[in-house]
N, C-alpha and C. Protein backbone atom coordinates (compact mmCIF):
# COMPACT_ATOMS: atom_id res chain seq x y z
N MET A 1 14.56 43.84 -3.27
CA MET A 1 15.14 44.21 -1.99
C MET A 1 16.37 43.34 -1.73
N GLY A 2 17.52 43.96 -1.41
CA GLY A 2 18.73 43.22 -1.14
C GLY A 2 18.63 42.40 0.14
N ILE A 3 19.52 41.42 0.27
CA ILE A 3 19.44 40.51 1.40
C ILE A 3 19.65 41.23 2.73
N MET A 4 20.56 42.22 2.77
CA MET A 4 20.79 42.94 4.02
C MET A 4 19.57 43.78 4.41
N LYS A 5 18.94 44.42 3.42
CA LYS A 5 17.73 45.19 3.70
C LYS A 5 16.62 44.26 4.19
N LYS A 6 16.50 43.09 3.56
CA LYS A 6 15.49 42.12 4.00
C LYS A 6 15.75 41.68 5.44
N PHE A 7 17.05 41.48 5.76
CA PHE A 7 17.39 41.05 7.11
C PHE A 7 17.04 42.13 8.14
N PHE A 8 17.47 43.36 7.90
CA PHE A 8 17.21 44.42 8.87
C PHE A 8 15.73 44.75 8.99
N ASN A 9 14.97 44.49 7.94
CA ASN A 9 13.53 44.70 8.02
C ASN A 9 12.85 43.70 8.95
N GLN A 10 13.56 42.62 9.29
CA GLN A 10 13.02 41.67 10.26
C GLN A 10 12.96 42.25 11.66
N THR A 11 13.64 43.38 11.87
CA THR A 11 13.58 44.04 13.18
C THR A 11 12.15 44.41 13.53
N ARG A 12 11.39 44.77 12.52
CA ARG A 12 10.02 45.24 12.75
C ARG A 12 9.08 44.10 13.13
N LYS A 13 9.10 43.04 12.36
CA LYS A 13 8.23 41.89 12.64
C LYS A 13 8.94 40.62 12.19
N PRO A 14 9.75 40.03 13.08
CA PRO A 14 10.50 38.84 12.68
C PRO A 14 9.60 37.70 12.23
N GLU A 15 9.95 37.11 11.11
CA GLU A 15 9.23 35.94 10.62
C GLU A 15 10.11 35.15 9.67
N GLY A 16 9.87 33.85 9.59
CA GLY A 16 10.63 33.02 8.68
C GLY A 16 12.08 32.84 9.10
N PHE A 17 12.90 32.39 8.16
CA PHE A 17 14.31 32.08 8.44
C PHE A 17 15.08 33.32 8.89
N LEU A 18 14.94 34.42 8.13
CA LEU A 18 15.67 35.64 8.48
C LEU A 18 15.18 36.21 9.82
N GLY A 19 13.91 36.10 10.07
CA GLY A 19 13.37 36.57 11.34
C GLY A 19 13.93 35.81 12.52
N ASN A 20 14.07 34.51 12.37
CA ASN A 20 14.64 33.71 13.45
C ASN A 20 16.11 34.01 13.65
N LEU A 21 16.82 34.33 12.57
CA LEU A 21 18.21 34.77 12.71
C LEU A 21 18.29 36.07 13.51
N MET A 22 17.40 36.99 13.19
CA MET A 22 17.36 38.26 13.91
C MET A 22 17.07 38.04 15.38
N LEU A 23 16.10 37.18 15.69
CA LEU A 23 15.73 36.94 17.08
C LEU A 23 16.86 36.30 17.87
N ARG A 24 17.67 35.49 17.22
CA ARG A 24 18.78 34.84 17.92
C ARG A 24 19.74 35.86 18.53
N GLY A 25 19.88 37.00 17.87
CA GLY A 25 20.82 38.00 18.36
C GLY A 25 20.22 39.06 19.25
N MET A 26 18.89 39.08 19.36
CA MET A 26 18.25 40.17 20.10
C MET A 26 18.58 40.17 21.58
N ASN A 27 18.49 39.01 22.23
CA ASN A 27 18.67 38.98 23.68
C ASN A 27 20.05 39.46 24.10
N SER A 28 21.08 38.93 23.46
CA SER A 28 22.44 39.35 23.81
C SER A 28 22.74 40.75 23.30
N GLY A 29 22.24 41.08 22.11
CA GLY A 29 22.53 42.37 21.50
C GLY A 29 21.93 43.55 22.24
N HIS A 30 20.80 43.34 22.90
CA HIS A 30 20.11 44.42 23.60
C HIS A 30 20.25 44.35 25.12
N ALA A 31 21.01 43.38 25.63
CA ALA A 31 21.05 43.14 27.07
C ALA A 31 21.56 44.36 27.85
N LYS A 32 22.68 44.93 27.44
CA LYS A 32 23.24 46.05 28.18
C LYS A 32 22.31 47.26 28.15
N LEU A 33 21.71 47.51 26.99
CA LEU A 33 20.76 48.61 26.86
C LEU A 33 19.57 48.39 27.80
N ALA A 34 19.01 47.19 27.78
CA ALA A 34 17.83 46.90 28.59
C ALA A 34 18.15 47.02 30.08
N ASP A 35 19.30 46.50 30.49
CA ASP A 35 19.67 46.58 31.91
C ASP A 35 19.87 48.03 32.34
N TRP A 36 20.46 48.83 31.47
CA TRP A 36 20.63 50.26 31.77
C TRP A 36 19.26 50.92 31.91
N GLY A 37 18.35 50.59 31.02
CA GLY A 37 17.00 51.15 31.10
C GLY A 37 16.30 50.75 32.38
N LEU A 38 16.38 49.48 32.74
CA LEU A 38 15.71 48.99 33.94
C LEU A 38 16.29 49.59 35.21
N SER A 39 17.53 50.05 35.16
CA SER A 39 18.15 50.65 36.35
C SER A 39 17.45 51.94 36.76
N HIS A 40 16.64 52.51 35.88
CA HIS A 40 15.93 53.76 36.19
C HIS A 40 14.57 53.54 36.82
N LEU A 41 14.18 52.29 36.97
CA LEU A 41 12.90 52.01 37.61
C LEU A 41 12.97 52.33 39.10
N PRO A 42 12.00 53.02 39.64
CA PRO A 42 11.96 53.21 41.10
C PRO A 42 11.57 51.90 41.78
N LYS A 43 11.81 51.81 43.06
CA LYS A 43 11.41 50.62 43.80
C LYS A 43 9.91 50.69 44.05
N ILE A 44 9.19 49.89 43.30
CA ILE A 44 7.73 49.91 43.37
C ILE A 44 7.21 48.49 43.55
N PRO A 45 6.10 48.33 44.26
CA PRO A 45 5.49 47.00 44.36
C PRO A 45 4.81 46.64 43.04
N VAL A 46 5.10 45.47 42.54
CA VAL A 46 4.53 45.04 41.26
C VAL A 46 3.95 43.64 41.41
N SER A 47 2.67 43.51 41.15
CA SER A 47 2.03 42.19 41.15
C SER A 47 1.82 41.69 39.72
N GLN A 48 1.68 42.66 38.77
CA GLN A 48 1.56 42.31 37.36
C GLN A 48 2.32 43.32 36.51
N ALA A 49 3.11 42.80 35.58
CA ALA A 49 3.86 43.64 34.64
C ALA A 49 3.67 43.09 33.25
N VAL A 50 3.83 43.95 32.25
CA VAL A 50 3.71 43.52 30.86
C VAL A 50 4.82 44.16 30.03
N ASP A 51 5.47 43.34 29.21
CA ASP A 51 6.48 43.83 28.28
C ASP A 51 5.86 43.89 26.89
N LEU A 52 5.72 45.09 26.36
CA LEU A 52 5.10 45.29 25.05
C LEU A 52 6.17 45.25 23.97
N GLY A 53 6.04 44.31 23.04
CA GLY A 53 7.08 44.10 22.03
C GLY A 53 8.20 43.27 22.64
N CYS A 54 7.87 42.06 23.08
CA CYS A 54 8.79 41.29 23.93
C CYS A 54 9.94 40.64 23.18
N GLY A 55 9.97 40.71 21.85
CA GLY A 55 11.13 40.23 21.10
C GLY A 55 11.44 38.77 21.35
N ALA A 56 12.66 38.49 21.79
CA ALA A 56 13.08 37.11 22.02
C ALA A 56 12.95 36.69 23.47
N GLY A 57 12.43 37.55 24.34
CA GLY A 57 12.01 37.12 25.66
C GLY A 57 12.89 37.42 26.85
N ARG A 58 14.10 37.94 26.62
CA ARG A 58 14.99 38.17 27.76
C ARG A 58 14.40 39.16 28.75
N ASN A 59 13.80 40.23 28.26
CA ASN A 59 13.34 41.27 29.18
C ASN A 59 12.14 40.81 30.00
N VAL A 60 11.33 39.93 29.45
CA VAL A 60 10.29 39.30 30.26
C VAL A 60 10.96 38.53 31.41
N GLY A 61 12.03 37.82 31.08
CA GLY A 61 12.77 37.07 32.10
C GLY A 61 13.38 37.97 33.16
N GLU A 62 13.89 39.13 32.74
CA GLU A 62 14.47 40.07 33.70
C GLU A 62 13.41 40.65 34.63
N LEU A 63 12.23 40.91 34.10
CA LEU A 63 11.14 41.40 34.94
C LEU A 63 10.71 40.33 35.95
N LEU A 64 10.72 39.09 35.53
CA LEU A 64 10.41 38.00 36.45
C LEU A 64 11.42 37.93 37.59
N LYS A 65 12.69 38.22 37.29
CA LYS A 65 13.73 38.23 38.33
C LYS A 65 13.58 39.45 39.24
N LEU A 66 13.33 40.60 38.64
CA LEU A 66 13.22 41.84 39.42
C LEU A 66 12.04 41.82 40.39
N PHE A 67 10.96 41.15 39.95
CA PHE A 67 9.74 41.11 40.74
C PHE A 67 9.33 39.64 40.95
N PRO A 68 10.00 38.97 41.89
CA PRO A 68 9.83 37.52 42.03
C PRO A 68 8.45 37.07 42.47
N ASP A 69 7.63 38.00 42.94
CA ASP A 69 6.27 37.63 43.34
C ASP A 69 5.23 38.04 42.29
N ALA A 70 5.71 38.59 41.18
CA ALA A 70 4.79 39.12 40.17
C ALA A 70 4.55 38.13 39.04
N LYS A 71 3.42 38.35 38.36
CA LYS A 71 3.15 37.66 37.10
C LYS A 71 3.52 38.63 35.97
N VAL A 72 4.22 38.12 34.97
CA VAL A 72 4.69 38.96 33.87
C VAL A 72 4.12 38.46 32.56
N SER A 73 3.56 39.38 31.78
CA SER A 73 3.03 39.05 30.46
C SER A 73 3.94 39.60 29.38
N GLY A 74 3.99 38.92 28.27
CA GLY A 74 4.72 39.40 27.10
C GLY A 74 3.78 39.48 25.91
N ILE A 75 3.87 40.59 25.18
CA ILE A 75 3.02 40.79 24.00
C ILE A 75 3.92 41.13 22.82
N ASP A 76 3.67 40.52 21.68
CA ASP A 76 4.42 40.88 20.48
C ASP A 76 3.56 40.67 19.24
N TYR A 77 3.81 41.52 18.25
CA TYR A 77 3.11 41.48 16.97
C TYR A 77 3.52 40.27 16.14
N SER A 78 4.73 39.76 16.42
CA SER A 78 5.31 38.67 15.64
C SER A 78 5.07 37.31 16.30
N ALA A 79 4.53 36.38 15.52
CA ALA A 79 4.32 35.02 16.04
C ALA A 79 5.65 34.35 16.38
N ALA A 80 6.70 34.65 15.60
CA ALA A 80 8.02 34.08 15.88
C ALA A 80 8.56 34.60 17.20
N SER A 81 8.33 35.88 17.50
CA SER A 81 8.77 36.44 18.77
C SER A 81 8.02 35.81 19.94
N VAL A 82 6.74 35.60 19.78
CA VAL A 82 5.95 34.96 20.82
C VAL A 82 6.51 33.57 21.12
N GLN A 83 6.84 32.83 20.06
CA GLN A 83 7.39 31.48 20.25
C GLN A 83 8.73 31.53 20.98
N LYS A 84 9.61 32.44 20.58
CA LYS A 84 10.93 32.55 21.21
C LYS A 84 10.80 32.97 22.68
N THR A 85 9.90 33.91 22.95
CA THR A 85 9.70 34.35 24.33
C THR A 85 9.16 33.22 25.19
N ARG A 86 8.28 32.44 24.64
CA ARG A 86 7.75 31.29 25.39
C ARG A 86 8.86 30.27 25.67
N GLU A 87 9.72 30.03 24.69
CA GLU A 87 10.83 29.10 24.90
C GLU A 87 11.78 29.61 25.98
N TYR A 88 12.08 30.91 25.93
CA TYR A 88 13.02 31.51 26.88
C TYR A 88 12.48 31.46 28.30
N ASN A 89 11.18 31.59 28.46
CA ASN A 89 10.57 31.67 29.79
C ASN A 89 9.68 30.47 30.10
N LYS A 90 10.01 29.33 29.55
CA LYS A 90 9.13 28.17 29.67
C LYS A 90 8.94 27.73 31.13
N SER A 91 9.96 27.84 31.96
CA SER A 91 9.79 27.41 33.34
C SER A 91 8.83 28.32 34.09
N ALA A 92 8.91 29.63 33.83
CA ALA A 92 7.99 30.58 34.48
C ALA A 92 6.57 30.39 33.96
N ILE A 93 6.43 30.04 32.69
CA ILE A 93 5.10 29.77 32.14
C ILE A 93 4.51 28.52 32.80
N SER A 94 5.34 27.49 32.96
CA SER A 94 4.87 26.26 33.61
C SER A 94 4.47 26.51 35.06
N ALA A 95 5.15 27.47 35.69
CA ALA A 95 4.86 27.80 37.08
C ALA A 95 3.67 28.74 37.23
N GLY A 96 3.11 29.18 36.10
CA GLY A 96 1.96 30.07 36.14
C GLY A 96 2.29 31.52 36.38
N ARG A 97 3.57 31.87 36.25
CA ARG A 97 4.00 33.24 36.50
C ARG A 97 4.13 34.07 35.23
N CYS A 98 3.97 33.46 34.09
CA CYS A 98 4.24 34.17 32.83
C CYS A 98 3.23 33.74 31.77
N GLU A 99 2.79 34.73 30.99
CA GLU A 99 1.90 34.48 29.86
C GLU A 99 2.42 35.28 28.68
N VAL A 100 2.48 34.68 27.51
CA VAL A 100 2.97 35.35 26.31
C VAL A 100 1.98 35.14 25.19
N LYS A 101 1.58 36.23 24.55
CA LYS A 101 0.63 36.08 23.45
C LYS A 101 0.86 37.13 22.38
N GLN A 102 0.33 36.85 21.21
CA GLN A 102 0.46 37.76 20.08
C GLN A 102 -0.53 38.91 20.25
N GLY A 103 -0.08 40.11 19.93
CA GLY A 103 -0.96 41.26 20.08
C GLY A 103 -0.39 42.49 19.41
N ASN A 104 -1.18 43.54 19.40
CA ASN A 104 -0.84 44.78 18.71
C ASN A 104 -0.85 45.92 19.71
N ALA A 105 0.22 46.70 19.73
CA ALA A 105 0.32 47.81 20.68
C ALA A 105 -0.77 48.85 20.47
N ALA A 106 -1.34 48.90 19.28
CA ALA A 106 -2.39 49.88 18.98
C ALA A 106 -3.77 49.41 19.44
N ASP A 107 -3.89 48.15 19.85
CA ASP A 107 -5.19 47.61 20.28
C ASP A 107 -4.93 46.45 21.23
N LEU A 108 -4.52 46.77 22.45
CA LEU A 108 -4.12 45.74 23.40
C LEU A 108 -5.31 44.97 23.94
N ASP A 109 -5.24 43.66 23.81
CA ASP A 109 -6.28 42.78 24.33
C ASP A 109 -5.88 42.35 25.74
N LEU A 110 -5.88 43.33 26.65
CA LEU A 110 -5.48 43.11 28.04
C LEU A 110 -6.51 43.79 28.94
N PRO A 111 -6.70 43.28 30.13
CA PRO A 111 -7.68 43.90 31.03
C PRO A 111 -7.25 45.30 31.47
N ALA A 112 -8.19 46.20 31.50
CA ALA A 112 -7.92 47.59 31.87
C ALA A 112 -7.49 47.69 33.33
N GLU A 113 -6.60 48.62 33.59
CA GLU A 113 -6.14 48.97 34.94
C GLU A 113 -5.75 47.73 35.75
N SER A 114 -4.90 46.88 35.14
CA SER A 114 -4.51 45.63 35.78
C SER A 114 -3.01 45.53 36.08
N PHE A 115 -2.20 46.42 35.52
CA PHE A 115 -0.75 46.31 35.63
C PHE A 115 -0.16 47.51 36.37
N GLU A 116 0.83 47.23 37.21
CA GLU A 116 1.56 48.33 37.85
C GLU A 116 2.71 48.82 36.98
N LEU A 117 3.12 47.98 36.01
CA LEU A 117 4.28 48.33 35.18
C LEU A 117 4.10 47.80 33.77
N ALA A 118 4.41 48.66 32.80
CA ALA A 118 4.52 48.26 31.39
C ALA A 118 5.89 48.70 30.89
N THR A 119 6.50 47.90 30.03
CA THR A 119 7.80 48.25 29.47
C THR A 119 7.77 48.11 27.96
N ALA A 120 8.68 48.83 27.31
CA ALA A 120 8.81 48.75 25.84
C ALA A 120 10.27 49.01 25.49
N PHE A 121 10.97 47.98 25.07
CA PHE A 121 12.38 48.08 24.74
C PHE A 121 12.59 47.99 23.23
N GLU A 122 13.22 48.97 22.65
CA GLU A 122 13.58 48.92 21.24
C GLU A 122 12.39 48.54 20.34
N THR A 123 11.25 49.14 20.58
CA THR A 123 10.07 48.73 19.82
C THR A 123 9.18 49.86 19.35
N ILE A 124 9.17 50.99 20.06
CA ILE A 124 8.21 52.04 19.68
C ILE A 124 8.53 52.65 18.33
N TYR A 125 9.73 52.39 17.79
CA TYR A 125 10.07 52.87 16.45
C TYR A 125 9.06 52.40 15.41
N PHE A 126 8.41 51.28 15.69
CA PHE A 126 7.54 50.62 14.70
C PHE A 126 6.06 50.72 15.05
N TRP A 127 5.73 51.40 16.12
CA TRP A 127 4.34 51.47 16.53
C TRP A 127 3.56 52.43 15.64
N PRO A 128 2.31 52.10 15.31
CA PRO A 128 1.52 52.91 14.38
C PRO A 128 0.87 54.12 15.05
N GLY A 129 1.69 55.08 15.43
CA GLY A 129 1.19 56.29 16.07
C GLY A 129 1.44 56.25 17.57
N LEU A 130 2.33 57.12 18.05
CA LEU A 130 2.71 57.06 19.47
C LEU A 130 1.53 57.33 20.39
N GLU A 131 0.77 58.38 20.13
CA GLU A 131 -0.31 58.74 21.05
C GLU A 131 -1.35 57.63 21.13
N LYS A 132 -1.69 57.04 20.00
CA LYS A 132 -2.66 55.95 19.99
C LYS A 132 -2.17 54.76 20.81
N CYS A 133 -0.92 54.39 20.62
CA CYS A 133 -0.36 53.22 21.32
C CYS A 133 -0.10 53.53 22.79
N PHE A 134 0.38 54.73 23.07
CA PHE A 134 0.61 55.10 24.47
C PHE A 134 -0.70 55.15 25.25
N ALA A 135 -1.78 55.55 24.60
CA ALA A 135 -3.08 55.56 25.25
C ALA A 135 -3.51 54.13 25.61
N GLN A 136 -3.13 53.17 24.78
CA GLN A 136 -3.42 51.77 25.08
C GLN A 136 -2.62 51.30 26.30
N ALA A 137 -1.36 51.73 26.38
CA ALA A 137 -0.54 51.39 27.55
C ALA A 137 -1.14 52.00 28.80
N ALA A 138 -1.58 53.25 28.70
CA ALA A 138 -2.19 53.91 29.85
C ALA A 138 -3.46 53.18 30.28
N LYS A 139 -4.21 52.68 29.32
CA LYS A 139 -5.47 52.00 29.61
C LYS A 139 -5.27 50.77 30.48
N VAL A 140 -4.20 50.01 30.23
CA VAL A 140 -4.01 48.75 30.96
C VAL A 140 -3.28 48.94 32.29
N LEU A 141 -2.72 50.13 32.52
CA LEU A 141 -2.03 50.41 33.77
C LEU A 141 -3.00 50.85 34.86
N LYS A 142 -2.69 50.45 36.07
CA LYS A 142 -3.45 50.95 37.22
C LYS A 142 -3.12 52.43 37.43
N PRO A 143 -4.00 53.19 38.07
CA PRO A 143 -3.65 54.56 38.44
C PRO A 143 -2.35 54.57 39.24
N GLY A 144 -1.42 55.42 38.85
CA GLY A 144 -0.11 55.46 39.49
C GLY A 144 0.90 54.49 38.89
N GLY A 145 0.46 53.67 37.91
CA GLY A 145 1.35 52.71 37.29
C GLY A 145 2.41 53.38 36.42
N TYR A 146 3.49 52.65 36.18
CA TYR A 146 4.63 53.19 35.44
C TYR A 146 4.77 52.54 34.05
N PHE A 147 5.24 53.33 33.12
CA PHE A 147 5.54 52.88 31.76
C PHE A 147 6.98 53.26 31.45
N LEU A 148 7.82 52.25 31.22
CA LEU A 148 9.24 52.48 30.94
C LEU A 148 9.54 52.17 29.48
N ILE A 149 10.12 53.14 28.79
CA ILE A 149 10.50 53.01 27.38
C ILE A 149 12.01 53.13 27.28
N CYS A 150 12.63 52.23 26.55
CA CYS A 150 14.07 52.28 26.41
C CYS A 150 14.44 52.11 24.93
N ASN A 151 15.18 53.08 24.40
CA ASN A 151 15.57 53.08 23.00
C ASN A 151 17.08 53.23 22.85
N GLU A 152 17.61 52.56 21.86
CA GLU A 152 19.04 52.69 21.55
C GLU A 152 19.32 54.02 20.86
N SER A 153 18.30 54.62 20.28
CA SER A 153 18.45 55.87 19.53
C SER A 153 17.79 57.02 20.27
N ASP A 154 18.47 58.17 20.28
CA ASP A 154 17.88 59.38 20.86
C ASP A 154 17.16 60.22 19.82
N GLY A 155 16.99 59.65 18.62
CA GLY A 155 16.26 60.34 17.57
C GLY A 155 17.09 61.26 16.71
N THR A 156 18.38 61.41 17.07
CA THR A 156 19.25 62.31 16.31
C THR A 156 20.53 61.65 15.83
N ASP A 157 20.89 60.49 16.37
CA ASP A 157 22.19 59.87 16.03
C ASP A 157 22.19 59.36 14.58
N SER A 158 23.34 59.49 13.95
CA SER A 158 23.45 59.23 12.52
C SER A 158 23.23 57.76 12.17
N VAL A 159 23.66 56.85 13.03
CA VAL A 159 23.50 55.42 12.74
C VAL A 159 22.03 55.04 12.66
N SER A 160 21.26 55.49 13.65
CA SER A 160 19.83 55.16 13.64
C SER A 160 19.09 55.85 12.50
N LYS A 161 19.51 57.05 12.17
CA LYS A 161 18.90 57.75 11.04
C LYS A 161 19.14 56.97 9.74
N LYS A 162 20.31 56.34 9.65
CA LYS A 162 20.60 55.50 8.48
C LYS A 162 19.66 54.30 8.43
N PHE A 163 19.41 53.70 9.62
CA PHE A 163 18.52 52.55 9.66
C PHE A 163 17.09 52.94 9.32
N GLU A 164 16.71 54.18 9.61
CA GLU A 164 15.38 54.65 9.22
C GLU A 164 15.16 54.54 7.71
N SER A 165 16.23 54.75 6.95
CA SER A 165 16.13 54.68 5.50
C SER A 165 16.17 53.25 4.97
N ILE A 166 16.58 52.32 5.83
CA ILE A 166 16.70 50.92 5.43
C ILE A 166 15.48 50.11 5.85
N ILE A 167 14.98 50.37 7.07
CA ILE A 167 13.90 49.56 7.63
C ILE A 167 12.56 50.25 7.38
N ASP A 168 11.69 49.57 6.69
CA ASP A 168 10.38 50.11 6.34
C ASP A 168 9.57 50.46 7.59
N GLY A 169 9.03 51.67 7.64
CA GLY A 169 8.15 52.06 8.73
C GLY A 169 8.83 52.42 10.02
N MET A 170 10.17 52.50 10.03
CA MET A 170 10.89 52.83 11.26
C MET A 170 10.94 54.34 11.45
N LYS A 171 10.71 54.78 12.69
CA LYS A 171 10.78 56.19 13.04
C LYS A 171 11.46 56.33 14.39
N CYS A 172 12.59 57.04 14.41
CA CYS A 172 13.30 57.30 15.67
C CYS A 172 12.79 58.60 16.28
N TYR A 173 12.55 58.59 17.58
CA TYR A 173 11.98 59.75 18.26
C TYR A 173 12.95 60.31 19.28
N THR A 174 12.89 61.62 19.47
CA THR A 174 13.65 62.25 20.54
C THR A 174 12.92 62.03 21.86
N ALA A 175 13.64 62.21 22.95
CA ALA A 175 13.02 62.07 24.27
C ALA A 175 11.89 63.07 24.45
N ASP A 176 12.07 64.28 23.94
CA ASP A 176 11.02 65.30 24.07
C ASP A 176 9.77 64.91 23.29
N GLU A 177 9.94 64.31 22.11
CA GLU A 177 8.79 63.85 21.33
C GLU A 177 8.04 62.74 22.06
N ILE A 178 8.79 61.84 22.68
CA ILE A 178 8.17 60.74 23.42
C ILE A 178 7.41 61.27 24.62
N LYS A 179 8.03 62.18 25.36
CA LYS A 179 7.39 62.74 26.55
C LYS A 179 6.12 63.51 26.19
N ALA A 180 6.16 64.25 25.10
CA ALA A 180 4.98 65.01 24.68
C ALA A 180 3.84 64.06 24.32
N ALA A 181 4.15 62.96 23.63
CA ALA A 181 3.11 61.99 23.26
C ALA A 181 2.56 61.28 24.49
N LEU A 182 3.40 61.01 25.47
CA LEU A 182 2.94 60.38 26.70
C LEU A 182 1.96 61.28 27.44
N LYS A 183 2.32 62.54 27.55
CA LYS A 183 1.46 63.47 28.28
C LYS A 183 0.13 63.70 27.56
N ALA A 184 0.16 63.56 26.23
CA ALA A 184 -1.08 63.70 25.45
C ALA A 184 -1.92 62.44 25.49
N SER A 185 -1.38 61.38 26.07
CA SER A 185 -2.05 60.07 26.05
C SER A 185 -2.54 59.62 27.41
N GLY A 186 -2.52 60.53 28.38
CA GLY A 186 -3.08 60.17 29.68
C GLY A 186 -2.09 59.97 30.79
N PHE A 187 -0.81 60.21 30.53
CA PHE A 187 0.20 60.08 31.58
C PHE A 187 0.41 61.44 32.26
N SER A 188 0.51 61.41 33.58
CA SER A 188 0.61 62.66 34.33
C SER A 188 2.04 63.15 34.47
N TYR A 189 3.00 62.26 34.23
CA TYR A 189 4.40 62.59 34.49
C TYR A 189 5.27 61.81 33.52
N ALA A 190 6.33 62.44 33.03
CA ALA A 190 7.29 61.74 32.18
C ALA A 190 8.66 62.38 32.35
N ALA A 191 9.66 61.56 32.58
CA ALA A 191 11.04 62.03 32.72
C ALA A 191 11.93 61.22 31.78
N SER A 192 13.01 61.83 31.32
CA SER A 192 13.91 61.13 30.40
C SER A 192 15.34 61.13 30.93
N TYR A 193 16.06 60.10 30.51
CA TYR A 193 17.46 59.92 30.90
C TYR A 193 18.27 59.58 29.66
N HIS A 194 19.41 60.22 29.52
CA HIS A 194 20.28 60.01 28.36
C HIS A 194 21.59 59.40 28.84
N HIS A 195 22.02 58.35 28.18
CA HIS A 195 23.28 57.69 28.54
C HIS A 195 24.45 58.67 28.38
N GLY A 196 25.42 58.55 29.24
CA GLY A 196 26.53 59.50 29.24
C GLY A 196 27.41 59.45 28.01
N SER A 197 27.53 58.30 27.36
CA SER A 197 28.45 58.19 26.23
C SER A 197 27.83 57.58 24.98
N LYS A 198 26.55 57.22 25.04
CA LYS A 198 25.87 56.59 23.91
C LYS A 198 24.54 57.30 23.66
N PRO A 199 23.96 57.13 22.49
CA PRO A 199 22.68 57.79 22.20
C PRO A 199 21.47 57.08 22.79
N TRP A 200 21.67 56.29 23.85
CA TRP A 200 20.59 55.56 24.47
C TRP A 200 19.71 56.52 25.30
N ILE A 201 18.43 56.29 25.28
CA ILE A 201 17.50 57.05 26.12
C ILE A 201 16.53 56.12 26.83
N THR A 202 16.17 56.52 28.02
CA THR A 202 15.10 55.88 28.77
C THR A 202 14.09 56.96 29.13
N VAL A 203 12.82 56.65 28.91
CA VAL A 203 11.76 57.58 29.29
C VAL A 203 10.86 56.83 30.27
N LEU A 204 10.63 57.43 31.42
CA LEU A 204 9.81 56.83 32.46
C LEU A 204 8.58 57.70 32.69
N ALA A 205 7.40 57.11 32.50
CA ALA A 205 6.16 57.85 32.66
C ALA A 205 5.31 57.21 33.75
N ARG A 206 4.47 58.04 34.36
CA ARG A 206 3.54 57.55 35.38
C ARG A 206 2.13 57.97 35.03
N LYS A 207 1.21 57.04 35.18
CA LYS A 207 -0.19 57.32 34.87
C LYS A 207 -0.82 58.19 35.97
């Protein structure tokens, strides 16, 4: 495997030297996308939120800002991501407002019906079966809770399709595919938003 392929494969589960290089660029590289995605959230009361696939931790930090009275959890499959997220949000962790732990989207070790909001930024490409993982998200949300998904790819753009051939196990989905999987996984409502000039999509579902 060439060095560039090895590097881009760290997108799935960052680890080691190359994984830490990848994580260094995640927060700044995904900031505009994440902020655009979060702009679609309705004004809802949130006491507990969870970011699934928390990467390098910025989006956990943004949720802490958006909901200053809430506790925010971060979950990631990668131990390196967990460490970076803890470093990024260390003050909130010390204050008891944030918890970050290693976990799998297909088998969430979180209390059922405890969160008003779950988010997933640039991560569902690597989840082992959308319906299975979305059902796990539905399980931990309270009735009426929201699940926000934000992807840089709309499932059809040529750049992301190229990355599918480079990154092992990557699958880009269209908004319609995501919405169909959400509705099959226990969500009563799902709406999608497409960026005006980029292939970015946000899908917002309600349990």
